[in-house]
Protein backbone atom coordinates (compact mmCIF):
# COMPACT_ATOMS: atom_id res chain seq x y z
CA UNK A 1 35.47 64.94 -8.47
CA UNK A 2 35.57 61.97 -7.28
CA UNK A 3 33.41 58.70 -8.37
CA UNK A 4 32.47 55.97 -6.95
CA UNK A 5 31.34 52.45 -8.09
CA UNK A 6 28.27 51.27 -5.18
CA UNK A 7 25.51 49.56 -4.77
CA UNK A 8 21.69 49.97 -5.74
CA UNK A 9 19.22 49.28 -3.39
CA UNK A 10 16.65 48.22 -4.83
CA UNK A 11 13.85 45.26 -4.35
CA UNK A 12 11.16 44.69 -1.78
CA UNK A 13 11.59 43.87 2.10
CA UNK A 14 14.19 40.81 2.79
CA UNK A 15 14.26 40.22 -0.73
CA UNK A 16 16.88 42.91 -2.20
CA UNK A 17 18.99 43.41 -5.47
CA UNK A 18 21.75 46.18 -6.03
CA UNK A 19 22.30 47.96 -8.74
CA UNK A 20 26.10 48.32 -9.79
CA UNK A 21 26.15 52.29 -10.13
CA UNK A 22 29.84 55.37 -11.27
CA UNK A 23 27.91 57.95 -8.75
CA UNK A 24 29.45 61.05 -6.39
CA UNK A 25 30.95 60.06 -3.26
CA UNK A 26 28.86 62.76 -1.65
CA UNK A 27 25.50 61.61 -2.77
CA UNK A 28 23.59 59.17 -1.44
CA UNK A 29 22.83 55.42 -1.41
CA UNK A 30 20.44 55.62 -3.32
CA UNK A 31 20.32 59.00 -4.99
CA UNK A 32 21.38 60.40 -8.42
CA UNK A 33 24.55 58.30 -10.01
CA UNK A 34 26.53 58.60 -13.38
CA UNK A 35 26.55 55.22 -14.65
CA UNK A 36 24.69 51.89 -14.10
CA UNK A 37 27.72 49.05 -15.14
CA UNK A 38 25.42 45.91 -14.22
CA UNK A 39 23.28 43.80 -11.53
CA UNK A 40 24.04 41.97 -8.55
CA UNK A 41 21.40 39.35 -7.33
CA UNK A 42 22.31 37.18 -4.24
CA UNK A 43 19.39 35.82 -4.02
CA UNK A 44 19.86 32.97 -6.33
CA UNK A 45 23.58 30.42 -5.33
CA UNK A 46 25.23 30.81 -7.16
CA UNK A 47 24.63 34.58 -6.87
CA UNK A 48 24.12 36.44 -10.21
CA UNK A 49 25.97 39.25 -11.12
CA UNK A 50 25.75 41.34 -14.83
CA UNK A 51 27.92 43.40 -14.70
CA UNK A 52 29.74 45.54 -18.12
CA UNK A 53 33.30 44.67 -17.69
CA UNK A 54 35.22 47.13 -20.17
CA UNK A 55 32.64 49.98 -18.92
CA UNK A 56 33.33 48.85 -15.58
CA UNK A 57 37.62 48.69 -16.54
CA UNK A 58 37.01 52.03 -18.36
CA UNK A 59 36.01 53.75 -14.74
CA UNK A 60 38.72 51.59 -12.76
CA UNK A 61 41.27 53.02 -15.75
CA UNK A 62 39.87 56.50 -14.74
CA UNK A 63 40.77 56.45 -11.03
CA UNK A 64 37.16 55.46 -9.79
CA UNK A 65 37.10 53.31 -5.96
CA UNK A 66 35.35 50.44 -5.73
CA UNK A 67 33.97 49.33 -2.44
CA UNK A 68 34.36 46.67 -0.83
CA UNK A 69 31.39 44.91 -1.95
CA UNK A 70 31.93 46.28 -5.84
CA UNK A 71 35.82 45.16 -5.22
CA UNK A 72 35.03 41.44 -5.30
CA UNK A 73 32.83 41.36 -7.52
CA UNK A 74 34.38 42.76 -10.49
CA UNK A 75 37.60 40.75 -8.71
CA UNK A 76 35.01 37.71 -9.43
CA UNK A 77 34.87 38.60 -13.16
CA UNK A 78 37.89 39.36 -13.67
CA UNK A 79 37.91 43.36 -14.19
CA UNK A 80 40.29 43.86 -11.58
CA UNK A 81 42.87 41.37 -12.70
CA UNK A 82 42.53 42.54 -15.97
CA UNK A 83 44.03 45.83 -14.85
CA UNK A 84 46.57 44.92 -12.98
CA UNK A 85 48.32 43.08 -16.01
CA UNK A 86 47.57 46.29 -17.46
CA UNK A 87 49.28 48.18 -15.70
CA UNK A 88 52.25 45.39 -16.05
CA UNK A 89 52.00 46.18 -20.46
CA UNK A 90 52.44 50.10 -19.16
CA UNK A 91 55.21 49.62 -17.31
CA UNK A 92 56.87 46.63 -19.60
CA UNK A 93 57.32 44.01 -16.80
CA UNK A 94 55.43 42.12 -20.04
CA UNK A 95 53.61 42.19 -23.58
CA UNK A 96 50.66 42.88 -24.26
CA UNK A 97 50.28 39.30 -25.59
CA UNK A 98 51.89 37.63 -22.74
CA UNK A 99 48.87 39.49 -20.88
CA UNK A 100 46.40 38.71 -22.90
CA UNK A 101 46.69 35.10 -22.86
CA UNK A 102 47.47 34.91 -18.81
CA UNK A 103 43.99 36.80 -18.81
CA UNK A 104 42.74 33.92 -21.10
CA UNK A 105 43.62 31.17 -18.91
CA UNK A 106 42.41 32.89 -16.22
CA UNK A 107 39.18 33.31 -17.30
CA UNK A 108 39.53 29.65 -18.62
CA UNK A 109 40.18 28.10 -14.74
CA UNK A 110 37.54 31.38 -13.51
CA UNK A 111 34.64 29.76 -15.72
CA UNK A 112 35.88 26.33 -14.75
CA UNK A 113 35.51 26.94 -11.28
CA UNK A 114 32.32 28.57 -11.86
CA UNK A 115 30.97 25.22 -13.65
CA UNK A 116 32.22 23.58 -11.52
CA UNK A 117 30.21 24.60 -7.98
CA UNK A 118 26.96 25.47 -10.22
CA UNK A 119 27.08 21.45 -11.20
CA UNK A 120 28.11 20.51 -7.31
CA UNK A 121 25.54 22.05 -6.54
CA UNK A 122 22.66 20.55 -9.23
CA UNK A 123 24.23 17.21 -7.57
CA UNK A 124 22.95 18.36 -4.45
CA UNK A 125 19.80 19.62 -5.27
CA UNK A 126 18.59 16.60 -7.55
CA UNK A 127 20.08 14.78 -4.05
CA UNK A 128 18.12 16.59 -1.64
CA UNK A 129 14.92 16.59 -4.00
CA UNK A 130 15.45 12.56 -4.28
CA UNK A 131 16.25 12.02 0.13
CA UNK A 132 12.90 14.51 0.39
CA UNK A 133 11.10 12.11 -2.38
CA UNK A 134 12.13 8.80 0.00
CA UNK A 135 11.70 10.37 2.77
CA UNK A 136 7.81 11.54 1.85
CA UNK A 137 6.96 8.34 -0.10
CA UNK A 138 8.58 6.60 3.53
CA UNK A 139 6.04 8.46 5.72
CA UNK A 140 3.30 7.41 3.02
CA UNK A 141 4.03 3.92 3.29
CA UNK A 142 3.96 3.99 6.61
CA UNK A 143 0.57 4.89 7.15
CA UNK A 144 -0.84 3.29 4.58
CA UNK A 145 0.64 1.01 6.50
CA UNK A 146 -0.92 1.87 10.14
CA UNK A 147 -4.27 2.36 7.99
CA UNK A 148 -4.60 -1.14 6.36
CA UNK A 149 -3.31 -2.61 10.28
CA UNK A 150 -6.30 -0.18 11.90
CA UNK A 151 -8.69 -1.59 8.37
CA UNK A 152 -7.80 -5.49 9.14
CA UNK A 153 -8.02 -4.71 13.63
CA UNK A 154 -12.07 -2.90 12.48
CA UNK A 155 -12.83 -5.86 10.28
CA UNK A 156 -11.71 -8.94 12.62
CA UNK A 157 -13.61 -6.75 15.28
CA UNK A 158 -16.32 -7.25 13.27
CA UNK A 159 -16.34 -10.49 12.52
CA UNK A 160 -15.69 -11.35 16.65
CA UNK A 161 -18.93 -9.71 17.27
CA UNK A 162 -20.96 -11.25 14.06
CA UNK A 163 -19.40 -14.77 16.01
CA UNK A 164 -20.16 -14.13 19.31
CA UNK A 165 -23.91 -12.87 18.24
CA UNK A 166 -24.48 -15.92 16.45
CA UNK A 167 -22.69 -18.09 19.24
CA UNK A 168 -25.95 -16.19 21.26
CA UNK A 169 -27.91 -16.83 19.28
CA UNK A 170 -27.75 -20.74 18.23
CA UNK A 171 -28.69 -21.65 22.05
CA UNK A 172 -32.14 -19.54 21.34
CA UNK A 173 -33.15 -21.41 18.31
CA UNK A 174 -32.37 -24.62 20.24
CA UNK A 175 -34.30 -23.99 22.60
CA UNK A 176 -37.23 -23.37 20.93
CA UNK A 177 -36.86 -26.22 18.60
CA UNK A 178 -36.96 -28.62 21.32
CA UNK A 179 -39.57 -27.24 22.63
CA UNK A 180 -41.58 -25.71 19.47
CA UNK A 181 -42.77 -29.75 19.42
CA UNK A 182 -44.50 -29.35 22.94
CA UNK A 183 -46.45 -26.62 21.95
CA UNK A 184 -49.47 -28.34 19.35
CA UNK A 185 -51.90 -26.21 18.39
CA UNK A 186 -54.97 -27.75 17.10
CA UNK A 187 -54.58 -27.39 13.75
CA UNK A 188 -51.28 -29.54 13.77
CA UNK A 189 -53.85 -32.02 15.82
CA UNK A 190 -56.15 -32.17 12.56
CA UNK A 191 -53.39 -32.22 10.64
CA UNK A 192 -52.54 -35.23 11.48
CA UNK A 193 -56.02 -37.22 12.45
CA UNK A 194 -55.82 -37.77 9.27
CA UNK A 195 -52.66 -39.67 9.70
CA UNK A 196 -53.50 -41.64 11.77
CA UNK A 197 -57.06 -42.96 10.43
CA UNK A 198 -54.98 -44.36 7.54
CA UNK A 199 -52.81 -45.63 9.43
CA UNK A 200 -56.00 -47.66 10.85
CA UNK A 201 -57.52 -48.06 7.24
CA UNK A 202 -53.84 -49.57 5.90
CA UNK A 203 -53.26 -51.98 9.17
CA UNK A 204 -57.39 -52.96 9.00
CA UNK A 205 -57.25 -54.71 5.40
CA UNK A 206 -53.26 -56.25 6.63
CA UNK A 207 -55.57 -57.75 10.03
CA UNK A 208 -58.17 -59.35 7.91
CA UNK A 209 -55.74 -60.59 5.54
CA UNK A 210 -54.39 -62.08 8.77
CA UNK A 211 -57.99 -63.97 9.76
CA UNK A 212 -58.11 -65.79 7.05
CA UNK A 213 -54.26 -67.43 6.56
CA UNK A 214 -55.44 -68.15 10.93
CA UNK A 215 -59.20 -69.80 9.58
CA UNK A 216 -56.72 -71.56 7.40
CA UNK A 217 -54.04 -72.96 9.63
CA UNK A 218 -57.45 -73.72 12.11
CA UNK A 219 -58.80 -76.24 9.69
CA UNK A 220 -55.50 -78.41 8.95
CA UNK A 221 -54.95 -78.82 13.08
CA UNK A 222 -58.86 -79.30 12.99
CA UNK A 223 -58.24 -81.75 10.29
CA UNK A 224 -54.82 -83.33 11.40
CA UNK A 225 -57.11 -84.42 14.64
CA UNK A 226 -59.88 -85.91 13.03
CA UNK A 227 -57.14 -88.15 11.67
CA UNK A 228 -55.65 -89.13 14.51
CA UNK A 229 -58.98 -89.36 16.18
CA UNK A 230 -59.75 -92.52 14.70
CA UNK A 231 -56.60 -94.69 15.06
CA UNK A 232 -56.44 -93.96 18.66
CA UNK A 233 -60.33 -94.96 19.18
CA UNK A 234 -59.22 -97.48 17.77
CA UNK A 235 -56.43 -98.49 19.50
CA UNK A 236 -58.53 -98.21 23.42
CA UNK A 237 -60.83 -100.52 21.85
CA UNK A 238 -59.53 -103.96 22.58
CA UNK A 239 -58.24 -101.95 25.64
CA UNK A 240 -61.55 -101.75 27.39
CA UNK A 241 -63.08 -105.31 26.14
CA UNK A 242 -60.47 -106.89 28.40
CA UNK A 243 -61.00 -105.00 31.20
CA UNK A 244 -64.47 -105.71 30.98
CA UNK A 245 -63.73 -109.77 30.20
CA UNK A 246 -61.45 -109.04 33.21
CA UNK A 247 -64.32 -107.76 35.31
CA UNK A 248 -66.88 -109.78 34.49
CA UNK A 249 -64.31 -112.89 35.18
CA UNK A 250 -63.79 -111.90 38.85
CA UNK A 251 -67.01 -111.44 39.74
CA UNK A 252 -67.81 -115.08 38.87
CA UNK A 253 -65.21 -116.16 40.80
CA UNK A 254 -65.80 -113.80 43.60
CA UNK A 255 -69.34 -116.01 43.33
């Protein structure tokens, strides 16, 4: 009976993975199969291929025909290359040792390529993660700067409003302080009256103290006038006597 190595679909919608099976060519895709050789998951990067090398090589040598996708998978794992070398050995083109050496060299190169691809993907993922982190931090810093700018603007606006209110309130306070002395109450008058009486009482002793000084000055001036008065009287008496003598002589001549 003709057999095929094909993929059998499993998994959920838009996230399918496959079983690599050997089945009758007349059986449906997801129907009855002869043997399961492995699995294939294309959702990973790189894709995960887990196939039994010996059993797959056995069925290929038995004449099972792989589908195009399965052929690519078997070539990737080295099954098809091993079958090609074994045919060369059977034909006498090369010895078994030469075939084994060639296959080992091919497998090492293939593994190096796979490892390089994995390393490249890992580095690309790290670089992508770092770039995303840098972009996120940049956006975060921009948002923080915008928030800080808004807060500073709000604080400046609040300070400006407070300054305007203080400036508006200052003239009103000055006007009230200027008008306050004119509006004296009875309590203030009563409080000021004793102060005025105290001032008068303080001024009275000073006046009393000044009166004796004025009297002393008057007495001193009177004594000085008394001392000067006799001198002037004595000086004026001879003059009066001389005038009296002259008047008597004049009367005698007239007679």
